[in-house]
Amino acid sequence: AGIETHGVNPKAVAIMKLDGIDISENTSNNVSEYLDIDFDFIITVC
């Protein structure tokens, strides 16, 4: 998720495909969509 949603970057999809991982069906989600889930880990990457 993001604190905003910007859509999945096509270059991210392409670079992952080159490593054999398909993220083309992923969606860009806002963190507010997941407030009811009890997470074991929260990883911020920026």
ModelCIF file with pLDDT and N, C-alpha, C, O atoms, coordinates in Angstrom:
data_MODEL
#
_entry.id   MODEL 
#
_entity.id                         1 
_entity.type                       polymer 
_entity.pdbx_number_of_molecules   1 
#
_entity_poly.entity_id                      1 
_entity_poly.type                           'polypeptide(L)' 
_entity_poly.nstd_linkage                   no 
_entity_poly.nstd_monomer                   no 
_entity_poly.pdbx_seq_one_letter_code       AGIETHGVNPKAVAIMKLDGIDISENTSNNVSEYLDIDFDFIITVC 
_entity_poly.pdbx_seq_one_letter_code_can   AGIETHGVNPKAVAIMKLDGIDISENTSNNVSEYLDIDFDFIITVC 
_entity_poly.pdbx_strand_id                 A 
#
loop_
_entity_poly_seq.entity_id 
_entity_poly_seq.num 
_entity_poly_seq.mon_id 
_entity_poly_seq.hetero 
1 1  ALA n 
1 2  GLY n 
1 3  ILE n 
1 4  GLU n 
1 5  THR n 
1 6  HIS n 
1 7  GLY n 
1 8  VAL n 
1 9  ASN n 
1 10 PRO n 
1 11 LYS n 
1 12 ALA n 
1 13 VAL n 
1 14 ALA n 
1 15 ILE n 
1 16 MET n 
1 17 LYS n 
1 18 LEU n 
1 19 ASP n 
1 20 GLY n 
1 21 ILE n 
1 22 ASP n 
1 23 ILE n 
1 24 SER n 
1 25 GLU n 
1 26 ASN n 
1 27 THR n 
1 28 SER n 
1 29 ASN n 
1 30 ASN n 
1 31 VAL n 
1 32 SER n 
1 33 GLU n 
1 34 TYR n 
1 35 LEU n 
1 36 ASP n 
1 37 ILE n 
1 38 ASP n 
1 39 PHE n 
1 40 ASP n 
1 41 PHE n 
1 42 ILE n 
1 43 ILE n 
1 44 THR n 
1 45 VAL n 
1 46 CYS n 
#
_struct_asym.id          A 
_struct_asym.entity_id   1 
#
loop_
_ma_qa_metric.id 
_ma_qa_metric.mode 
_ma_qa_metric.name 
_ma_qa_metric.software_group_id 
_ma_qa_metric.type 
1 global pLDDT . pLDDT 
2 local  pLDDT . pLDDT 
#
_ma_qa_metric_global.metric_id      1 
_ma_qa_metric_global.metric_value   95.43 
_ma_qa_metric_global.model_id       1 
_ma_qa_metric_global.ordinal_id     1 
#
loop_
_ma_qa_metric_local.label_asym_id 
_ma_qa_metric_local.label_comp_id 
_ma_qa_metric_local.label_seq_id 
_ma_qa_metric_local.metric_id 
_ma_qa_metric_local.metric_value 
_ma_qa_metric_local.model_id 
_ma_qa_metric_local.ordinal_id 
A ALA 1  2 95.00 1 1  
A GLY 2  2 93.00 1 2  
A ILE 3  2 90.00 1 3  
A GLU 4  2 91.00 1 4  
A THR 5  2 93.00 1 5  
A HIS 6  2 93.00 1 6  
A GLY 7  2 95.00 1 7  
A VAL 8  2 97.00 1 8  
A ASN 9  2 97.00 1 9  
A PRO 10 2 97.00 1 10 
A LYS 11 2 97.00 1 11 
A ALA 12 2 98.00 1 12 
A VAL 13 2 98.00 1 13 
A ALA 14 2 97.00 1 14 
A ILE 15 2 98.00 1 15 
A MET 16 2 98.00 1 16 
A LYS 17 2 98.00 1 17 
A LEU 18 2 98.00 1 18 
A ASP 19 2 98.00 1 19 
A GLY 20 2 98.00 1 20 
A ILE 21 2 98.00 1 21 
A ASP 22 2 98.00 1 22 
A ILE 23 2 98.00 1 23 
A SER 24 2 97.00 1 24 
A GLU 25 2 97.00 1 25 
A ASN 26 2 97.00 1 26 
A THR 27 2 97.00 1 27 
A SER 28 2 97.00 1 28 
A ASN 29 2 97.00 1 29 
A ASN 30 2 95.00 1 30 
A VAL 31 2 93.00 1 31 
A SER 32 2 92.00 1 32 
A GLU 33 2 94.00 1 33 
A TYR 34 2 93.00 1 34 
A LEU 35 2 89.00 1 35 
A ASP 36 2 92.00 1 36 
A ILE 37 2 95.00 1 37 
A ASP 38 2 95.00 1 38 
A PHE 39 2 96.00 1 39 
A ASP 40 2 97.00 1 40 
A PHE 41 2 97.00 1 41 
A ILE 42 2 95.00 1 42 
A ILE 43 2 96.00 1 43 
A THR 44 2 93.00 1 44 
A VAL 45 2 95.00 1 45 
A CYS 46 2 88.00 1 46 
#
loop_
_atom_site.group_PDB 
_atom_site.id 
_atom_site.type_symbol 
_atom_site.label_atom_id 
_atom_site.label_alt_id 
_atom_site.label_comp_id 
_atom_site.label_asym_id 
_atom_site.label_entity_id 
_atom_site.label_seq_id 
_atom_site.pdbx_PDB_ins_code 
_atom_site.Cartn_x 
_atom_site.Cartn_y 
_atom_site.Cartn_z 
_atom_site.occupancy 
_atom_site.B_iso_or_equiv 
_atom_site.pdbx_formal_charge 
_atom_site.auth_seq_id 
_atom_site.auth_comp_id 
_atom_site.auth_asym_id 
_atom_site.auth_atom_id 
_atom_site.pdbx_PDB_model_num 
ATOM 1   N N  . ALA A 1 1  ? 0.836  -1.186  0.000   1.00 95.00 ? 1  ALA A N  1 
ATOM 2   C CA . ALA A 1 1  ? 0.000  0.000   0.000   1.00 95.00 ? 1  ALA A CA 1 
ATOM 3   C C  . ALA A 1 1  ? 0.875  1.242   0.000   1.00 95.00 ? 1  ALA A C  1 
ATOM 4   O O  . ALA A 1 1  ? 2.090  1.189   0.193   1.00 95.00 ? 1  ALA A O  1 
ATOM 5   N N  . GLY A 1 2  ? 0.200  2.361   -0.225  1.00 93.00 ? 2  GLY A N  1 
ATOM 6   C CA . GLY A 1 2  ? 0.871  3.650   -0.170  1.00 93.00 ? 2  GLY A CA 1 
ATOM 7   C C  . GLY A 1 2  ? 0.071  4.602   0.688   1.00 93.00 ? 2  GLY A C  1 
ATOM 8   O O  . GLY A 1 2  ? -1.098 4.359   0.985   1.00 93.00 ? 2  GLY A O  1 
ATOM 9   N N  . ILE A 1 3  ? 0.706  5.685   1.081   1.00 90.00 ? 3  ILE A N  1 
ATOM 10  C CA . ILE A 1 3  ? -0.047 6.719   1.777   1.00 90.00 ? 3  ILE A CA 1 
ATOM 11  C C  . ILE A 1 3  ? -0.826 7.539   0.758   1.00 90.00 ? 3  ILE A C  1 
ATOM 12  O O  . ILE A 1 3  ? -1.688 8.345   1.111   1.00 90.00 ? 3  ILE A O  1 
ATOM 13  N N  . GLU A 1 4  ? -0.502 7.315   -0.525  1.00 91.00 ? 4  GLU A N  1 
ATOM 14  C CA . GLU A 1 4  ? -1.244 7.815   -1.678  1.00 91.00 ? 4  GLU A CA 1 
ATOM 15  C C  . GLU A 1 4  ? -1.286 6.655   -2.667  1.00 91.00 ? 4  GLU A C  1 
ATOM 16  O O  . GLU A 1 4  ? -0.634 5.637   -2.438  1.00 91.00 ? 4  GLU A O  1 
ATOM 17  N N  . THR A 1 5  ? -2.034 6.783   -3.754  1.00 93.00 ? 5  THR A N  1 
ATOM 18  C CA . THR A 1 5  ? -1.992 5.760   -4.803  1.00 93.00 ? 5  THR A CA 1 
ATOM 19  C C  . THR A 1 5  ? -1.650 6.429   -6.121  1.00 93.00 ? 5  THR A C  1 
ATOM 20  O O  . THR A 1 5  ? -2.311 7.380   -6.539  1.00 93.00 ? 5  THR A O  1 
ATOM 21  N N  . HIS A 1 6  ? -0.616 5.925   -6.767  1.00 93.00 ? 6  HIS A N  1 
ATOM 22  C CA . HIS A 1 6  ? -0.136 6.493   -8.024  1.00 93.00 ? 6  HIS A CA 1 
ATOM 23  C C  . HIS A 1 6  ? -0.273 5.527   -9.193  1.00 93.00 ? 6  HIS A C  1 
ATOM 24  O O  . HIS A 1 6  ? 0.137  5.862   -10.304 1.00 93.00 ? 6  HIS A O  1 
ATOM 25  N N  . GLY A 1 7  ? -0.839 4.335   -8.979  1.00 95.00 ? 7  GLY A N  1 
ATOM 26  C CA . GLY A 1 7  ? -0.895 3.331   -10.034 1.00 95.00 ? 7  GLY A CA 1 
ATOM 27  C C  . GLY A 1 7  ? 0.410  2.560   -10.092 1.00 95.00 ? 7  GLY A C  1 
ATOM 28  O O  . GLY A 1 7  ? 1.454  3.071   -9.684  1.00 95.00 ? 7  GLY A O  1 
ATOM 29  N N  . VAL A 1 8  ? 0.361  1.350   -10.589 1.00 97.00 ? 8  VAL A N  1 
ATOM 30  C CA . VAL A 1 8  ? 1.563  0.518   -10.677 1.00 97.00 ? 8  VAL A CA 1 
ATOM 31  C C  . VAL A 1 8  ? 2.425  1.017   -11.839 1.00 97.00 ? 8  VAL A C  1 
ATOM 32  O O  . VAL A 1 8  ? 1.944  1.167   -12.962 1.00 97.00 ? 8  VAL A O  1 
ATOM 33  N N  . ASN A 1 9  ? 3.684  1.266   -11.556 1.00 97.00 ? 9  ASN A N  1 
ATOM 34  C CA . ASN A 1 9  ? 4.610  1.797   -12.548 1.00 97.00 ? 9  ASN A CA 1 
ATOM 35  C C  . ASN A 1 9  ? 4.930  0.719   -13.600 1.00 97.00 ? 9  ASN A C  1 
ATOM 36  O O  . ASN A 1 9  ? 5.386  -0.369  -13.248 1.00 97.00 ? 9  ASN A O  1 
ATOM 37  N N  . PRO A 1 10 ? 4.693  1.015   -14.880 1.00 97.00 ? 10 PRO A N  1 
ATOM 38  C CA . PRO A 1 10 ? 4.960  0.029   -15.940 1.00 97.00 ? 10 PRO A CA 1 
ATOM 39  C C  . PRO A 1 10 ? 6.428  -0.417  -15.999 1.00 97.00 ? 10 PRO A C  1 
ATOM 40  O O  . PRO A 1 10 ? 6.717  -1.547  -16.394 1.00 97.00 ? 10 PRO A O  1 
ATOM 41  N N  . LYS A 1 11 ? 7.338  0.456   -15.612 1.00 97.00 ? 11 LYS A N  1 
ATOM 42  C CA . LYS A 1 11 ? 8.756  0.073   -15.610 1.00 97.00 ? 11 LYS A CA 1 
ATOM 43  C C  . LYS A 1 11 ? 9.055  -0.917  -14.484 1.00 97.00 ? 11 LYS A C  1 
ATOM 44  O O  . LYS A 1 11 ? 9.930  -1.771  -14.626 1.00 97.00 ? 11 LYS A O  1 
ATOM 45  N N  . ALA A 1 12 ? 8.337  -0.808  -13.372 1.00 98.00 ? 12 ALA A N  1 
ATOM 46  C CA . ALA A 1 12 ? 8.481  -1.789  -12.292 1.00 98.00 ? 12 ALA A CA 1 
ATOM 47  C C  . ALA A 1 12 ? 7.972  -3.146  -12.755 1.00 98.00 ? 12 ALA A C  1 
ATOM 48  O O  . ALA A 1 12 ? 8.583  -4.177  -12.473 1.00 98.00 ? 12 ALA A O  1 
ATOM 49  N N  . VAL A 1 13 ? 6.853  -3.141  -13.466 1.00 98.00 ? 13 VAL A N  1 
ATOM 50  C CA . VAL A 1 13 ? 6.302  -4.388  -14.008 1.00 98.00 ? 13 VAL A CA 1 
ATOM 51  C C  . VAL A 1 13 ? 7.312  -5.019  -14.965 1.00 98.00 ? 13 VAL A C  1 
ATOM 52  O O  . VAL A 1 13 ? 7.559  -6.224  -14.907 1.00 98.00 ? 13 VAL A O  1 
ATOM 53  N N  . ALA A 1 14 ? 7.890  -4.210  -15.837 1.00 97.00 ? 14 ALA A N  1 
ATOM 54  C CA . ALA A 1 14 ? 8.827  -4.716  -16.849 1.00 97.00 ? 14 ALA A CA 1 
ATOM 55  C C  . ALA A 1 14 ? 10.099 -5.267  -16.214 1.00 97.00 ? 14 ALA A C  1 
ATOM 56  O O  . ALA A 1 14 ? 10.574 -6.331  -16.613 1.00 97.00 ? 14 ALA A O  1 
ATOM 57  N N  . ILE A 1 15 ? 10.658 -4.557  -15.229 1.00 98.00 ? 15 ILE A N  1 
ATOM 58  C CA . ILE A 1 15 ? 11.920 -5.010  -14.628 1.00 98.00 ? 15 ILE A CA 1 
ATOM 59  C C  . ILE A 1 15 ? 11.703 -6.294  -13.833 1.00 98.00 ? 15 ILE A C  1 
ATOM 60  O O  . ILE A 1 15 ? 12.596 -7.139  -13.769 1.00 98.00 ? 15 ILE A O  1 
ATOM 61  N N  . MET A 1 16 ? 10.528 -6.451  -13.230 1.00 98.00 ? 16 MET A N  1 
ATOM 62  C CA . MET A 1 16 ? 10.239 -7.685  -12.499 1.00 98.00 ? 16 MET A CA 1 
ATOM 63  C C  . MET A 1 16 ? 10.031 -8.849  -13.465 1.00 98.00 ? 16 MET A C  1 
ATOM 64  O O  . MET A 1 16 ? 10.448 -9.974  -13.187 1.00 98.00 ? 16 MET A O  1 
ATOM 65  N N  . LYS A 1 17 ? 9.400  -8.582  -14.573 1.00 98.00 ? 17 LYS A N  1 
ATOM 66  C CA . LYS A 1 17 ? 9.179  -9.628  -15.571 1.00 98.00 ? 17 LYS A CA 1 
ATOM 67  C C  . LYS A 1 17 ? 10.506 -10.204 -16.057 1.00 98.00 ? 17 LYS A C  1 
ATOM 68  O O  . LYS A 1 17 ? 10.608 -11.399 -16.334 1.00 98.00 ? 17 LYS A O  1 
ATOM 69  N N  . LEU A 1 18 ? 11.528 -9.339  -16.159 1.00 98.00 ? 18 LEU A N  1 
ATOM 70  C CA . LEU A 1 18 ? 12.853 -9.805  -16.580 1.00 98.00 ? 18 LEU A CA 1 
ATOM 71  C C  . LEU A 1 18 ? 13.468 -10.764 -15.561 1.00 98.00 ? 18 LEU A C  1 
ATOM 72  O O  . LEU A 1 18 ? 14.372 -11.528 -15.900 1.00 98.00 ? 18 LEU A O  1 
ATOM 73  N N  . ASP A 1 19 ? 12.986 -10.733 -14.315 1.00 98.00 ? 19 ASP A N  1 
ATOM 74  C CA . ASP A 1 19 ? 13.455 -11.664 -13.290 1.00 98.00 ? 19 ASP A CA 1 
ATOM 75  C C  . ASP A 1 19 ? 12.445 -12.788 -13.054 1.00 98.00 ? 19 ASP A C  1 
ATOM 76  O O  . ASP A 1 19 ? 12.547 -13.525 -12.073 1.00 98.00 ? 19 ASP A O  1 
ATOM 77  N N  . GLY A 1 20 ? 11.475 -12.912 -13.954 1.00 98.00 ? 20 GLY A N  1 
ATOM 78  C CA . GLY A 1 20 ? 10.530 -14.026 -13.882 1.00 98.00 ? 20 GLY A CA 1 
ATOM 79  C C  . GLY A 1 20 ? 9.384  -13.849 -12.915 1.00 98.00 ? 20 GLY A C  1 
ATOM 80  O O  . GLY A 1 20 ? 8.721  -14.826 -12.567 1.00 98.00 ? 20 GLY A O  1 
ATOM 81  N N  . ILE A 1 21 ? 9.130  -12.624 -12.469 1.00 98.00 ? 21 ILE A N  1 
ATOM 82  C CA . ILE A 1 21 ? 8.039  -12.384 -11.528 1.00 98.00 ? 21 ILE A CA 1 
ATOM 83  C C  . ILE A 1 21 ? 7.047  -11.424 -12.166 1.00 98.00 ? 21 ILE A C  1 
ATOM 84  O O  . ILE A 1 21 ? 7.405  -10.336 -12.617 1.00 98.00 ? 21 ILE A O  1 
ATOM 85  N N  . ASP A 1 22 ? 5.794  -11.854 -12.192 1.00 98.00 ? 22 ASP A N  1 
ATOM 86  C CA . ASP A 1 22 ? 4.743  -11.080 -12.840 1.00 98.00 ? 22 ASP A CA 1 
ATOM 87  C C  . ASP A 1 22 ? 3.949  -10.292 -11.802 1.00 98.00 ? 22 ASP A C  1 
ATOM 88  O O  . ASP A 1 22 ? 3.239  -10.873 -10.981 1.00 98.00 ? 22 ASP A O  1 
ATOM 89  N N  . ILE A 1 23 ? 4.074  -8.961  -11.844 1.00 98.00 ? 23 ILE A N  1 
ATOM 90  C CA . ILE A 1 23 ? 3.284  -8.107  -10.959 1.00 98.00 ? 23 ILE A CA 1 
ATOM 91  C C  . ILE A 1 23 ? 2.291  -7.264  -11.772 1.00 98.00 ? 23 ILE A C  1 
ATOM 92  O O  . ILE A 1 23 ? 1.776  -6.255  -11.290 1.00 98.00 ? 23 ILE A O  1 
ATOM 93  N N  . SER A 1 24 ? 2.036  -7.691  -12.997 1.00 97.00 ? 24 SER A N  1 
ATOM 94  C CA . SER A 1 24 ? 1.181  -6.916  -13.896 1.00 97.00 ? 24 SER A CA 1 
ATOM 95  C C  . SER A 1 24 ? -0.273 -6.831  -13.430 1.00 97.00 ? 24 SER A C  1 
ATOM 96  O O  . SER A 1 24 ? -1.003 -5.929  -13.843 1.00 97.00 ? 24 SER A O  1 
ATOM 97  N N  . GLU A 1 25 ? -0.696 -7.755  -12.580 1.00 97.00 ? 25 GLU A N  1 
ATOM 98  C CA . GLU A 1 25 ? -2.073 -7.725  -12.077 1.00 97.00 ? 25 GLU A CA 1 
ATOM 99  C C  . GLU A 1 25 ? -2.181 -7.020  -10.724 1.00 97.00 ? 25 GLU A C  1 
ATOM 100 O O  . GLU A 1 25 ? -3.276 -6.896  -10.175 1.00 97.00 ? 25 GLU A O  1 
ATOM 101 N N  . ASN A 1 26 ? -1.046 -6.558  -10.186 1.00 97.00 ? 26 ASN A N  1 
ATOM 102 C CA . ASN A 1 26 ? -1.077 -5.841  -8.912  1.00 97.00 ? 26 ASN A CA 1 
ATOM 103 C C  . ASN A 1 26 ? -1.864 -4.546  -9.059  1.00 97.00 ? 26 ASN A C  1 
ATOM 104 O O  . ASN A 1 26 ? -1.967 -3.980  -10.147 1.00 97.00 ? 26 ASN A O  1 
ATOM 105 N N  . THR A 1 27 ? -2.411 -4.095  -7.945  1.00 97.00 ? 27 THR A N  1 
ATOM 106 C CA . THR A 1 27 ? -3.123 -2.820  -7.926  1.00 97.00 ? 27 THR A CA 1 
ATOM 107 C C  . THR A 1 27 ? -2.432 -1.884  -6.942  1.00 97.00 ? 27 THR A C  1 
ATOM 108 O O  . THR A 1 27 ? -1.733 -2.329  -6.031  1.00 97.00 ? 27 THR A O  1 
ATOM 109 N N  . SER A 1 28 ? -2.633 -0.609  -7.132  1.00 97.00 ? 28 SER A N  1 
ATOM 110 C CA . SER A 1 28 ? -2.098 0.403   -6.235  1.00 97.00 ? 28 SER A CA 1 
ATOM 111 C C  . SER A 1 28 ? -3.163 0.680   -5.171  1.00 97.00 ? 28 SER A C  1 
ATOM 112 O O  . SER A 1 28 ? -4.265 1.131   -5.484  1.00 97.00 ? 28 SER A O  1 
ATOM 113 N N  . ASN A 1 29 ? -2.819 0.405   -3.917  1.00 97.00 ? 29 ASN A N  1 
ATOM 114 C CA . ASN A 1 29 ? -3.796 0.500   -2.835  1.00 97.00 ? 29 ASN A CA 1 
ATOM 115 C C  . ASN A 1 29 ? -3.380 1.534   -1.796  1.00 97.00 ? 29 ASN A C  1 
ATOM 116 O O  . ASN A 1 29 ? -2.193 1.776   -1.577  1.00 97.00 ? 29 ASN A O  1 
ATOM 117 N N  . ASN A 1 30 ? -4.368 2.132   -1.168  1.00 95.00 ? 30 ASN A N  1 
ATOM 118 C CA . ASN A 1 30 ? -4.122 3.085   -0.095  1.00 95.00 ? 30 ASN A CA 1 
ATOM 119 C C  . ASN A 1 30 ? -4.097 2.339   1.230   1.00 95.00 ? 30 ASN A C  1 
ATOM 120 O O  . ASN A 1 30 ? -4.881 1.415   1.442   1.00 95.00 ? 30 ASN A O  1 
ATOM 121 N N  . VAL A 1 31 ? -3.203 2.736   2.112   1.00 93.00 ? 31 VAL A N  1 
ATOM 122 C CA . VAL A 1 31 ? -3.049 2.059   3.397   1.00 93.00 ? 31 VAL A CA 1 
ATOM 123 C C  . VAL A 1 31 ? -4.361 2.032   4.186   1.00 93.00 ? 31 VAL A C  1 
ATOM 124 O O  . VAL A 1 31 ? -4.579 1.122   4.986   1.00 93.00 ? 31 VAL A O  1 
ATOM 125 N N  . SER A 1 32 ? -5.224 3.007   3.971   1.00 92.00 ? 32 SER A N  1 
ATOM 126 C CA . SER A 1 32 ? -6.503 3.046   4.700   1.00 92.00 ? 32 SER A CA 1 
ATOM 127 C C  . SER A 1 32 ? -7.390 1.835   4.401   1.00 92.00 ? 32 SER A C  1 
ATOM 128 O O  . SER A 1 32 ? -8.292 1.519   5.178   1.00 92.00 ? 32 SER A O  1 
ATOM 129 N N  . GLU A 1 33 ? -7.134 1.156   3.275   1.00 94.00 ? 33 GLU A N  1 
ATOM 130 C CA . GLU A 1 33 ? -7.901 -0.042  2.923   1.00 94.00 ? 33 GLU A CA 1 
ATOM 131 C C  . GLU A 1 33 ? -7.598 -1.222  3.840   1.00 94.00 ? 33 GLU A C  1 
ATOM 132 O O  . GLU A 1 33 ? -8.360 -2.188  3.877   1.00 94.00 ? 33 GLU A O  1 
ATOM 133 N N  . TYR A 1 34 ? -6.492 -1.152  4.579   1.00 93.00 ? 34 TYR A N  1 
ATOM 134 C CA . TYR A 1 34 ? -6.036 -2.296  5.359   1.00 93.00 ? 34 TYR A CA 1 
ATOM 135 C C  . TYR A 1 34 ? -6.040 -2.049  6.869   1.00 93.00 ? 34 TYR A C  1 
ATOM 136 O O  . TYR A 1 34 ? -5.389 -2.786  7.610   1.00 93.00 ? 34 TYR A O  1 
ATOM 137 N N  . LEU A 1 35 ? -6.746 -1.045  7.331   1.00 89.00 ? 35 LEU A N  1 
ATOM 138 C CA . LEU A 1 35 ? -6.709 -0.700  8.754   1.00 89.00 ? 35 LEU A CA 1 
ATOM 139 C C  . LEU A 1 35 ? -7.310 -1.783  9.648   1.00 89.00 ? 35 LEU A C  1 
ATOM 140 O O  . LEU A 1 35 ? -7.019 -1.813  10.844  1.00 89.00 ? 35 LEU A O  1 
ATOM 141 N N  . ASP A 1 36 ? -8.125 -2.655  9.110   1.00 92.00 ? 36 ASP A N  1 
ATOM 142 C CA . ASP A 1 36 ? -8.751 -3.711  9.910   1.00 92.00 ? 36 ASP A CA 1 
ATOM 143 C C  . ASP A 1 36 ? -7.919 -4.993  9.971   1.00 92.00 ? 36 ASP A C  1 
ATOM 144 O O  . ASP A 1 36 ? -8.307 -5.951  10.639  1.00 92.00 ? 36 ASP A O  1 
ATOM 145 N N  . ILE A 1 37 ? -6.786 -5.016  9.285   1.00 95.00 ? 37 ILE A N  1 
ATOM 146 C CA . ILE A 1 37 ? -5.942 -6.218  9.274   1.00 95.00 ? 37 ILE A CA 1 
ATOM 147 C C  . ILE A 1 37 ? -4.898 -6.101  10.380  1.00 95.00 ? 37 ILE A C  1 
ATOM 148 O O  . ILE A 1 37 ? -4.272 -5.055  10.552  1.00 95.00 ? 37 ILE A O  1 
ATOM 149 N N  . ASP A 1 38 ? -4.723 -7.173  11.116  1.00 95.00 ? 38 ASP A N  1 
ATOM 150 C CA . ASP A 1 38 ? -3.713 -7.214  12.171  1.00 95.00 ? 38 ASP A CA 1 
ATOM 151 C C  . ASP A 1 38 ? -2.407 -7.712  11.549  1.00 95.00 ? 38 ASP A C  1 
ATOM 152 O O  . ASP A 1 38 ? -2.246 -8.902  11.280  1.00 95.00 ? 38 ASP A O  1 
ATOM 153 N N  . PHE A 1 39 ? -1.493 -6.793  11.329  1.00 96.00 ? 39 PHE A N  1 
ATOM 154 C CA . PHE A 1 39 ? -0.231 -7.147  10.680  1.00 96.00 ? 39 PHE A CA 1 
ATOM 155 C C  . PHE A 1 39 ? 0.792  -7.642  11.686  1.00 96.00 ? 39 PHE A C  1 
ATOM 156 O O  . PHE A 1 39 ? 0.863  -7.167  12.819  1.00 96.00 ? 39 PHE A O  1 
ATOM 157 N N  . ASP A 1 40 ? 1.584  -8.611  11.239  1.00 97.00 ? 40 ASP A N  1 
ATOM 158 C CA . ASP A 1 40 ? 2.709  -9.089  12.030  1.00 97.00 ? 40 ASP A CA 1 
ATOM 159 C C  . ASP A 1 40 ? 3.958  -8.254  11.742  1.00 97.00 ? 40 ASP A C  1 
ATOM 160 O O  . ASP A 1 40 ? 4.811  -8.063  12.609  1.00 97.00 ? 40 ASP A O  1 
ATOM 161 N N  . PHE A 1 41 ? 4.045  -7.760  10.500  1.00 97.00 ? 41 PHE A N  1 
ATOM 162 C CA . PHE A 1 41 ? 5.170  -6.927  10.084  1.00 97.00 ? 41 PHE A CA 1 
ATOM 163 C C  . PHE A 1 41 ? 4.655  -5.768  9.249   1.00 97.00 ? 41 PHE A C  1 
ATOM 164 O O  . PHE A 1 41 ? 3.770  -5.941  8.412   1.00 97.00 ? 41 PHE A O  1 
ATOM 165 N N  . ILE A 1 42 ? 5.210  -4.587  9.479   1.00 95.00 ? 42 ILE A N  1 
ATOM 166 C CA . ILE A 1 42 ? 4.960  -3.428  8.636   1.00 95.00 ? 42 ILE A CA 1 
ATOM 167 C C  . ILE A 1 42 ? 6.321  -2.940  8.175   1.00 95.00 ? 42 ILE A C  1 
ATOM 168 O O  . ILE A 1 42 ? 7.150  -2.507  8.976   1.00 95.00 ? 42 ILE A O  1 
ATOM 169 N N  . ILE A 1 43 ? 6.534  -3.019  6.866   1.00 96.00 ? 43 ILE A N  1 
ATOM 170 C CA . ILE A 1 43 ? 7.825  -2.651  6.284   1.00 96.00 ? 43 ILE A CA 1 
ATOM 171 C C  . ILE A 1 43 ? 7.640  -1.386  5.464   1.00 96.00 ? 43 ILE A C  1 
ATOM 172 O O  . ILE A 1 43 ? 6.872  -1.373  4.502   1.00 96.00 ? 43 ILE A O  1 
ATOM 173 N N  . THR A 1 44 ? 8.339  -0.324  5.841   1.00 93.00 ? 44 THR A N  1 
ATOM 174 C CA . THR A 1 44 ? 8.329  0.889   5.015   1.00 93.00 ? 44 THR A CA 1 
ATOM 175 C C  . THR A 1 44 ? 9.585  0.851   4.148   1.00 93.00 ? 44 THR A C  1 
ATOM 176 O O  . THR A 1 44 ? 10.684 0.572   4.627   1.00 93.00 ? 44 THR A O  1 
ATOM 177 N N  . VAL A 1 45 ? 9.394  1.139   2.862   1.00 95.00 ? 45 VAL A N  1 
ATOM 178 C CA . VAL A 1 45 ? 10.513 1.040   1.911   1.00 95.00 ? 45 VAL A CA 1 
ATOM 179 C C  . VAL A 1 45 ? 10.954 2.402   1.384   1.00 95.00 ? 45 VAL A C  1 
ATOM 180 O O  . VAL A 1 45 ? 11.737 2.486   0.437   1.00 95.00 ? 45 VAL A O  1 
ATOM 181 N N  . CYS A 1 46 ? 10.448 3.465   2.001   1.00 88.00 ? 46 CYS A N  1 
ATOM 182 C CA . CYS A 1 46 ? 10.933 4.810   1.658   1.00 88.00 ? 46 CYS A CA 1 
ATOM 183 C C  . CYS A 1 46 ? 10.788 5.706   2.879   1.00 88.00 ? 46 CYS A C  1 
ATOM 184 O O  . CYS A 1 46 ? 11.135 6.886   2.824   1.00 88.00 ? 46 CYS A O  1 
#
